[in-house]
């Protein structure tokens, strides 16, 4: 099973906090960050951490069923 990563490019300001936290999951490309792959291994806590520290709440992590699991409230 895998999780899905999504970055809302309209919200992302390119702070690079996600890429600093999980450089194998996110890459900073100019003014925005992008996931290296939209599919990641289920249970990768670094994705949840990155979603939690994003200053613009631009990162969404969904489980295999499509349920949003991050960012957490």
PDB file of N, CA and C in Angstrom:
ATOM      1  N   UNK A   1       0.849  -1.178   0.000  1.00  0.00           N
ATOM      2  CA  UNK A   1       0.000   0.000   0.000  1.00  0.00           C
ATOM      3  C   UNK A   1       0.896   1.242   0.000  1.00  0.00           C
ATOM      4  N   UNK A   2       0.346   2.318  -0.500  1.00  0.00           N
ATOM      5  CA  UNK A   2       1.120   3.550  -0.553  1.00  0.00           C
ATOM      6  C   UNK A   2       0.259   4.741  -0.155  1.00  0.00           C
ATOM      7  N   UNK A   3       0.944   5.797   0.180  1.00  0.00           N
ATOM      8  CA  UNK A   3       0.305   7.071   0.466  1.00  0.00           C
ATOM      9  C   UNK A   3       0.519   7.984  -0.728  1.00  0.00           C
ATOM     10  N   UNK A   4      -0.306   9.026  -0.815  1.00  0.00           N
ATOM     11  CA  UNK A   4      -0.187  10.015  -1.883  1.00  0.00           C
ATOM     12  C   UNK A   4       0.225  11.359  -1.286  1.00  0.00           C
ATOM     13  N   UNK A   5       1.171  12.005  -1.939  1.00  0.00           N
ATOM     14  CA  UNK A   5       1.629  13.340  -1.548  1.00  0.00           C
ATOM     15  C   UNK A   5       1.123  14.356  -2.555  1.00  0.00           C
ATOM     16  N   UNK A   6       0.691  15.484  -2.057  1.00  0.00           N
ATOM     17  CA  UNK A   6       0.267  16.571  -2.943  1.00  0.00           C
ATOM     18  C   UNK A   6       0.704  17.889  -2.320  1.00  0.00           C
ATOM     19  N   UNK A   7       1.242  18.776  -3.151  1.00  0.00           N
ATOM     20  CA  UNK A   7       1.563  20.136  -2.723  1.00  0.00           C
ATOM     21  C   UNK A   7       0.703  21.089  -3.535  1.00  0.00           C
ATOM     22  N   UNK A   8      -0.050  21.920  -2.845  1.00  0.00           N
ATOM     23  CA  UNK A   8      -0.881  22.937  -3.482  1.00  0.00           C
ATOM     24  C   UNK A   8       0.034  24.072  -3.928  1.00  0.00           C
ATOM     25  N   UNK A   9       0.290  24.164  -5.226  1.00  0.00           N
ATOM     26  CA  UNK A   9       1.220  25.172  -5.743  1.00  0.00           C
ATOM     27  C   UNK A   9       0.715  26.594  -5.534  1.00  0.00           C
ATOM     28  N   UNK A  10      -0.580  26.749  -5.350  1.00  0.00           N
ATOM     29  CA  UNK A  10      -1.137  28.068  -5.070  1.00  0.00           C
ATOM     30  C   UNK A  10      -0.860  28.546  -3.655  1.00  0.00           C
ATOM     31  N   UNK A  11      -0.585  27.615  -2.762  1.00  0.00           N
ATOM     32  CA  UNK A  11      -0.303  27.959  -1.368  1.00  0.00           C
ATOM     33  C   UNK A  11       1.191  27.936  -1.054  1.00  0.00           C
ATOM     34  N   UNK A  12       1.948  27.093  -1.754  1.00  0.00           N
ATOM     35  CA  UNK A  12       3.372  26.913  -1.475  1.00  0.00           C
ATOM     36  C   UNK A  12       4.144  28.203  -1.743  1.00  0.00           C
ATOM     37  N   UNK A  13       4.972  28.590  -0.773  1.00  0.00           N
ATOM     38  CA  UNK A  13       5.804  29.789  -0.928  1.00  0.00           C
ATOM     39  C   UNK A  13       7.277  29.431  -1.096  1.00  0.00           C
ATOM     40  N   UNK A  14       7.573  28.135  -1.167  1.00  0.00           N
ATOM     41  CA  UNK A  14       8.948  27.698  -1.384  1.00  0.00           C
ATOM     42  C   UNK A  14       9.851  27.884  -0.188  1.00  0.00           C
ATOM     43  N   UNK A  15       9.330  27.726   1.013  1.00  0.00           N
ATOM     44  CA  UNK A  15      10.160  27.888   2.213  1.00  0.00           C
ATOM     45  C   UNK A  15      11.242  26.820   2.292  1.00  0.00           C
ATOM     46  N   UNK A  16      11.007  25.668   1.687  1.00  0.00           N
ATOM     47  CA  UNK A  16      11.982  24.592   1.695  1.00  0.00           C
ATOM     48  C   UNK A  16      11.989  23.764   2.967  1.00  0.00           C
ATOM     49  N   UNK A  17      11.070  24.028   3.868  1.00  0.00           N
ATOM     50  CA  UNK A  17      11.045  23.270   5.124  1.00  0.00           C
ATOM     51  C   UNK A  17      10.776  21.787   4.860  1.00  0.00           C
ATOM     52  N   UNK A  18       9.937  21.490   3.898  1.00  0.00           N
ATOM     53  CA  UNK A  18       9.649  20.086   3.575  1.00  0.00           C
ATOM     54  C   UNK A  18      10.888  19.396   3.015  1.00  0.00           C
ATOM     55  N   UNK A  19      11.566  20.065   2.093  1.00  0.00           N
ATOM     56  CA  UNK A  19      12.769  19.490   1.490  1.00  0.00           C
ATOM     57  C   UNK A  19      13.881  19.332   2.519  1.00  0.00           C
ATOM     58  N   UNK A  20      13.948  20.227   3.488  1.00  0.00           N
ATOM     59  CA  UNK A  20      14.934  20.101   4.547  1.00  0.00           C
ATOM     60  C   UNK A  20      14.629  18.952   5.484  1.00  0.00           C
ATOM     61  N   UNK A  21      13.356  18.689   5.701  1.00  0.00           N
ATOM     62  CA  UNK A  21      12.919  17.615   6.589  1.00  0.00           C
ATOM     63  C   UNK A  21      13.007  16.253   5.914  1.00  0.00           C
ATOM     64  N   UNK A  22      12.632  16.189   4.651  1.00  0.00           N
ATOM     65  CA  UNK A  22      12.600  14.914   3.919  1.00  0.00           C
ATOM     66  C   UNK A  22      13.099  15.130   2.488  1.00  0.00           C
ATOM     67  N   UNK A  23      14.416  15.300   2.306  1.00  0.00           N
ATOM     68  CA  UNK A  23      14.944  15.618   0.981  1.00  0.00           C
ATOM     69  C   UNK A  23      14.740  14.534  -0.066  1.00  0.00           C
ATOM     70  N   UNK A  24      14.476  13.309   0.352  1.00  0.00           N
ATOM     71  CA  UNK A  24      14.197  12.271  -0.635  1.00  0.00           C
ATOM     72  C   UNK A  24      12.720  12.230  -1.026  1.00  0.00           C
ATOM     73  N   UNK A  25      11.878  13.023  -0.333  1.00  0.00           N
ATOM     74  CA  UNK A  25      10.454  13.097  -0.660  1.00  0.00           C
ATOM     75  C   UNK A  25      10.076  14.391  -1.371  1.00  0.00           C
ATOM     76  N   UNK A  26      10.812  15.474  -1.082  1.00  0.00           N
ATOM     77  CA  UNK A  26      10.479  16.796  -1.623  1.00  0.00           C
ATOM     78  C   UNK A  26      11.717  17.460  -2.208  1.00  0.00           C
ATOM     79  N   UNK A  27      11.503  18.260  -3.242  1.00  0.00           N
ATOM     80  CA  UNK A  27      12.582  19.019  -3.855  1.00  0.00           C
ATOM     81  C   UNK A  27      12.118  20.462  -4.030  1.00  0.00           C
ATOM     82  N   UNK A  28      13.007  21.393  -3.739  1.00  0.00           N
ATOM     83  CA  UNK A  28      12.723  22.814  -3.941  1.00  0.00           C
ATOM     84  C   UNK A  28      13.145  23.169  -5.356  1.00  0.00           C
ATOM     85  N   UNK A  29      12.204  23.676  -6.145  1.00  0.00           N
ATOM     86  CA  UNK A  29      12.436  23.989  -7.546  1.00  0.00           C
ATOM     87  C   UNK A  29      12.014  25.433  -7.785  1.00  0.00           C
ATOM     88  N   UNK A  30      12.951  26.338  -7.696  1.00  0.00           N
ATOM     89  CA  UNK A  30      12.625  27.749  -7.857  1.00  0.00           C
ATOM     90  C   UNK A  30      11.838  28.259  -6.671  1.00  0.00           C
ATOM     91  N   UNK A  31      10.625  28.722  -6.934  1.00  0.00           N
ATOM     92  CA  UNK A  31       9.802  29.320  -5.890  1.00  0.00           C
ATOM     93  C   UNK A  31       8.855  28.345  -5.215  1.00  0.00           C
ATOM     94  N   UNK A  32       8.884  27.069  -5.596  1.00  0.00           N
ATOM     95  CA  UNK A  32       7.945  26.097  -5.054  1.00  0.00           C
ATOM     96  C   UNK A  32       8.630  24.763  -4.774  1.00  0.00           C
ATOM     97  N   UNK A  33       8.039  24.024  -3.885  1.00  0.00           N
ATOM     98  CA  UNK A  33       8.483  22.660  -3.628  1.00  0.00           C
ATOM     99  C   UNK A  33       7.591  21.698  -4.403  1.00  0.00           C
ATOM    100  N   UNK A  34       8.148  20.538  -4.696  1.00  0.00           N
ATOM    101  CA  UNK A  34       7.417  19.497  -5.409  1.00  0.00           C
ATOM    102  C   UNK A  34       7.745  18.156  -4.772  1.00  0.00           C
ATOM    103  N   UNK A  35       6.783  17.232  -4.763  1.00  0.00           N
ATOM    104  CA  UNK A  35       7.131  15.889  -4.304  1.00  0.00           C
ATOM    105  C   UNK A  35       8.015  15.208  -5.353  1.00  0.00           C
ATOM    106  N   UNK A  36       9.006  14.457  -4.897  1.00  0.00           N
ATOM    107  CA  UNK A  36       9.833  13.682  -5.812  1.00  0.00           C
ATOM    108  C   UNK A  36       8.959  12.665  -6.538  1.00  0.00           C
ATOM    109  N   UNK A  37       8.023  12.083  -5.810  1.00  0.00           N
ATOM    110  CA  UNK A  37       7.046  11.156  -6.361  1.00  0.00           C
ATOM    111  C   UNK A  37       5.726  11.388  -5.629  1.00  0.00           C
ATOM    112  N   UNK A  38       4.627  11.265  -6.317  1.00  0.00           N
ATOM    113  CA  UNK A  38       3.333  11.447  -5.655  1.00  0.00           C
ATOM    114  C   UNK A  38       2.933  10.227  -4.840  1.00  0.00           C
ATOM    115  N   UNK A  39       3.584   9.094  -5.074  1.00  0.00           N
ATOM    116  CA  UNK A  39       3.332   7.863  -4.319  1.00  0.00           C
ATOM    117  C   UNK A  39       4.523   7.603  -3.402  1.00  0.00           C
ATOM    118  N   UNK A  40       4.250   7.398  -2.123  1.00  0.00           N
ATOM    119  CA  UNK A  40       5.309   7.093  -1.168  1.00  0.00           C
ATOM    120  C   UNK A  40       4.903   5.875  -0.351  1.00  0.00           C
ATOM    121  N   UNK A  41       5.866   5.313   0.345  1.00  0.00           N
ATOM    122  CA  UNK A  41       5.594   4.146   1.177  1.00  0.00           C
ATOM    123  C   UNK A  41       4.638   4.512   2.307  1.00  0.00           C
ATOM    124  N   UNK A  42       3.673   3.643   2.521  1.00  0.00           N
ATOM    125  CA  UNK A  42       2.736   3.838   3.621  1.00  0.00           C
ATOM    126  C   UNK A  42       3.503   3.861   4.936  1.00  0.00           C
ATOM    127  N   UNK A  43       3.142   4.785   5.807  1.00  0.00           N
ATOM    128  CA  UNK A  43       3.762   4.863   7.123  1.00  0.00           C
ATOM    129  C   UNK A  43       4.996   5.740   7.196  1.00  0.00           C
ATOM    130  N   UNK A  44       5.318   6.452   6.121  1.00  0.00           N
ATOM    131  CA  UNK A  44       6.503   7.317   6.135  1.00  0.00           C
ATOM    132  C   UNK A  44       6.208   8.559   6.966  1.00  0.00           C
ATOM    133  N   UNK A  45       6.645   8.537   8.192  1.00  0.00           N
ATOM    134  CA  UNK A  45       6.365   9.613   9.138  1.00  0.00           C
ATOM    135  C   UNK A  45       6.970  10.954   8.714  1.00  0.00           C
ATOM    136  N   UNK A  46       8.017  10.919   7.893  1.00  0.00           N
ATOM    137  CA  UNK A  46       8.631  12.179   7.434  1.00  0.00           C
ATOM    138  C   UNK A  46       7.655  13.003   6.610  1.00  0.00           C
ATOM    139  N   UNK A  47       6.780  12.337   5.860  1.00  0.00           N
ATOM    140  CA  UNK A  47       5.766  13.054   5.082  1.00  0.00           C
ATOM    141  C   UNK A  47       4.788  13.756   6.012  1.00  0.00           C
ATOM    142  N   UNK A  48       4.403  13.074   7.078  1.00  0.00           N
ATOM    143  CA  UNK A  48       3.487  13.679   8.057  1.00  0.00           C
ATOM    144  C   UNK A  48       4.151  14.855   8.756  1.00  0.00           C
ATOM    145  N   UNK A  49       5.429  14.692   9.090  1.00  0.00           N
ATOM    146  CA  UNK A  49       6.166  15.778   9.743  1.00  0.00           C
ATOM    147  C   UNK A  49       6.279  16.991   8.820  1.00  0.00           C
ATOM    148  N   UNK A  50       6.608  16.741   7.554  1.00  0.00           N
ATOM    149  CA  UNK A  50       6.720  17.837   6.588  1.00  0.00           C
ATOM    150  C   UNK A  50       5.397  18.571   6.430  1.00  0.00           C
ATOM    151  N   UNK A  51       4.302  17.828   6.360  1.00  0.00           N
ATOM    152  CA  UNK A  51       2.981  18.450   6.245  1.00  0.00           C
ATOM    153  C   UNK A  51       2.684  19.295   7.477  1.00  0.00           C
ATOM    154  N   UNK A  52       3.124  18.826   8.624  1.00  0.00           N
ATOM    155  CA  UNK A  52       2.868  19.541   9.870  1.00  0.00           C
ATOM    156  C   UNK A  52       3.674  20.813  10.047  1.00  0.00           C
ATOM    157  N   UNK A  53       4.851  20.892   9.420  1.00  0.00           N
ATOM    158  CA  UNK A  53       5.682  22.091   9.595  1.00  0.00           C
ATOM    159  C   UNK A  53       5.564  23.076   8.444  1.00  0.00           C
ATOM    160  N   UNK A  54       4.841  22.715   7.400  1.00  0.00           N
ATOM    161  CA  UNK A  54       4.685  23.626   6.260  1.00  0.00           C
ATOM    162  C   UNK A  54       3.990  24.903   6.732  1.00  0.00           C
ATOM    163  N   UNK A  55       4.643  26.062   6.568  1.00  0.00           N
ATOM    164  CA  UNK A  55       4.051  27.297   7.074  1.00  0.00           C
ATOM    165  C   UNK A  55       2.771  27.725   6.359  1.00  0.00           C
ATOM    166  N   UNK A  56       2.553  27.220   5.159  1.00  0.00           N
ATOM    167  CA  UNK A  56       1.365  27.583   4.385  1.00  0.00           C
ATOM    168  C   UNK A  56       0.333  26.454   4.318  1.00  0.00           C
ATOM    169  N   UNK A  57       0.575  25.370   5.044  1.00  0.00           N
ATOM    170  CA  UNK A  57      -0.318  24.198   5.050  1.00  0.00           C
ATOM    171  C   UNK A  57      -0.615  23.776   3.603  1.00  0.00           C
ATOM    172  N   UNK A  58       0.442  23.681   2.803  1.00  0.00           N
ATOM    173  CA  UNK A  58       0.296  23.376   1.382  1.00  0.00           C
ATOM    174  C   UNK A  58       0.434  21.885   1.064  1.00  0.00           C
ATOM    175  N   UNK A  59       0.858  21.085   2.043  1.00  0.00           N
ATOM    176  CA  UNK A  59       1.112  19.665   1.800  1.00  0.00           C
ATOM    177  C   UNK A  59      -0.052  18.828   2.316  1.00  0.00           C
ATOM    178  N   UNK A  60      -0.528  17.932   1.468  1.00  0.00           N
ATOM    179  CA  UNK A  60      -1.573  16.985   1.850  1.00  0.00           C
ATOM    180  C   UNK A  60      -1.027  15.573   1.677  1.00  0.00           C
ATOM    181  N   UNK A  61      -1.267  14.737   2.674  1.00  0.00           N
ATOM    182  CA  UNK A  61      -0.924  13.320   2.592  1.00  0.00           C
ATOM    183  C   UNK A  61      -2.229  12.546   2.707  1.00  0.00           C
ATOM    184  N   UNK A  62      -2.434  11.621   1.771  1.00  0.00           N
ATOM    185  CA  UNK A  62      -3.636  10.780   1.773  1.00  0.00           C
ATOM    186  C   UNK A  62      -3.221   9.316   1.849  1.00  0.00           C
ATOM    187  N   UNK A  63      -4.043   8.534   2.555  1.00  0.00           N
ATOM    188  CA  UNK A  63      -3.758   7.102   2.649  1.00  0.00           C
ATOM    189  C   UNK A  63      -4.223   6.387   1.383  1.00  0.00           C
ATOM    190  N   UNK A  64      -4.070   5.080   1.347  1.00  0.00           N
ATOM    191  CA  UNK A  64      -4.400   4.290   0.154  1.00  0.00           C
ATOM    192  C   UNK A  64      -5.875   4.385  -0.226  1.00  0.00           C
ATOM    193  N   UNK A  65      -6.724   4.706   0.747  1.00  0.00           N
ATOM    194  CA  UNK A  65      -8.158   4.851   0.479  1.00  0.00           C
ATOM    195  C   UNK A  65      -8.541   6.270   0.071  1.00  0.00           C
ATOM    196  N   UNK A  66      -7.557   7.184   0.031  1.00  0.00           N
ATOM    197  CA  UNK A  66      -7.824   8.565  -0.334  1.00  0.00           C
ATOM    198  C   UNK A  66      -8.188   9.461   0.831  1.00  0.00           C
ATOM    199  N   UNK A  67      -8.174   8.906   2.045  1.00  0.00           N
ATOM    200  CA  UNK A  67      -8.494   9.691   3.239  1.00  0.00           C
ATOM    201  C   UNK A  67      -7.310  10.594   3.606  1.00  0.00           C
ATOM    202  N   UNK A  68      -7.615  11.876   3.842  1.00  0.00           N
ATOM    203  CA  UNK A  68      -6.574  12.820   4.225  1.00  0.00           C
ATOM    204  C   UNK A  68      -6.087  12.500   5.638  1.00  0.00           C
ATOM    205  N   UNK A  69      -4.769  12.283   5.759  1.00  0.00           N
ATOM    206  CA  UNK A  69      -4.192  11.986   7.070  1.00  0.00           C
ATOM    207  C   UNK A  69      -3.238  13.067   7.545  1.00  0.00           C
ATOM    208  N   UNK A  70      -2.924  14.001   6.686  1.00  0.00           N
ATOM    209  CA  UNK A  70      -2.093  15.143   7.079  1.00  0.00           C
ATOM    210  C   UNK A  70      -2.403  16.274   6.116  1.00  0.00           C
ATOM    211  N   UNK A  71      -2.392  17.505   6.547  1.00  0.00           N
ATOM    212  CA  UNK A  71      -1.931  17.924   7.878  1.00  0.00           C
ATOM    213  C   UNK A  71      -2.945  17.562   8.956  1.00  0.00           C
ATOM    214  N   UNK A  72      -2.416  17.394  10.129  1.00  0.00           N
ATOM    215  CA  UNK A  72      -3.255  17.090  11.282  1.00  0.00           C
ATOM    216  C   UNK A  72      -3.720  18.387  11.925  1.00  0.00           C
ATOM    217  N   UNK A  73      -4.905  18.336  12.491  1.00  0.00           N
ATOM    218  CA  UNK A  73      -5.446  19.526  13.171  1.00  0.00           C
ATOM    219  C   UNK A  73      -4.787  19.725  14.508  1.00  0.00           C
TER     220      UNK A  73
END
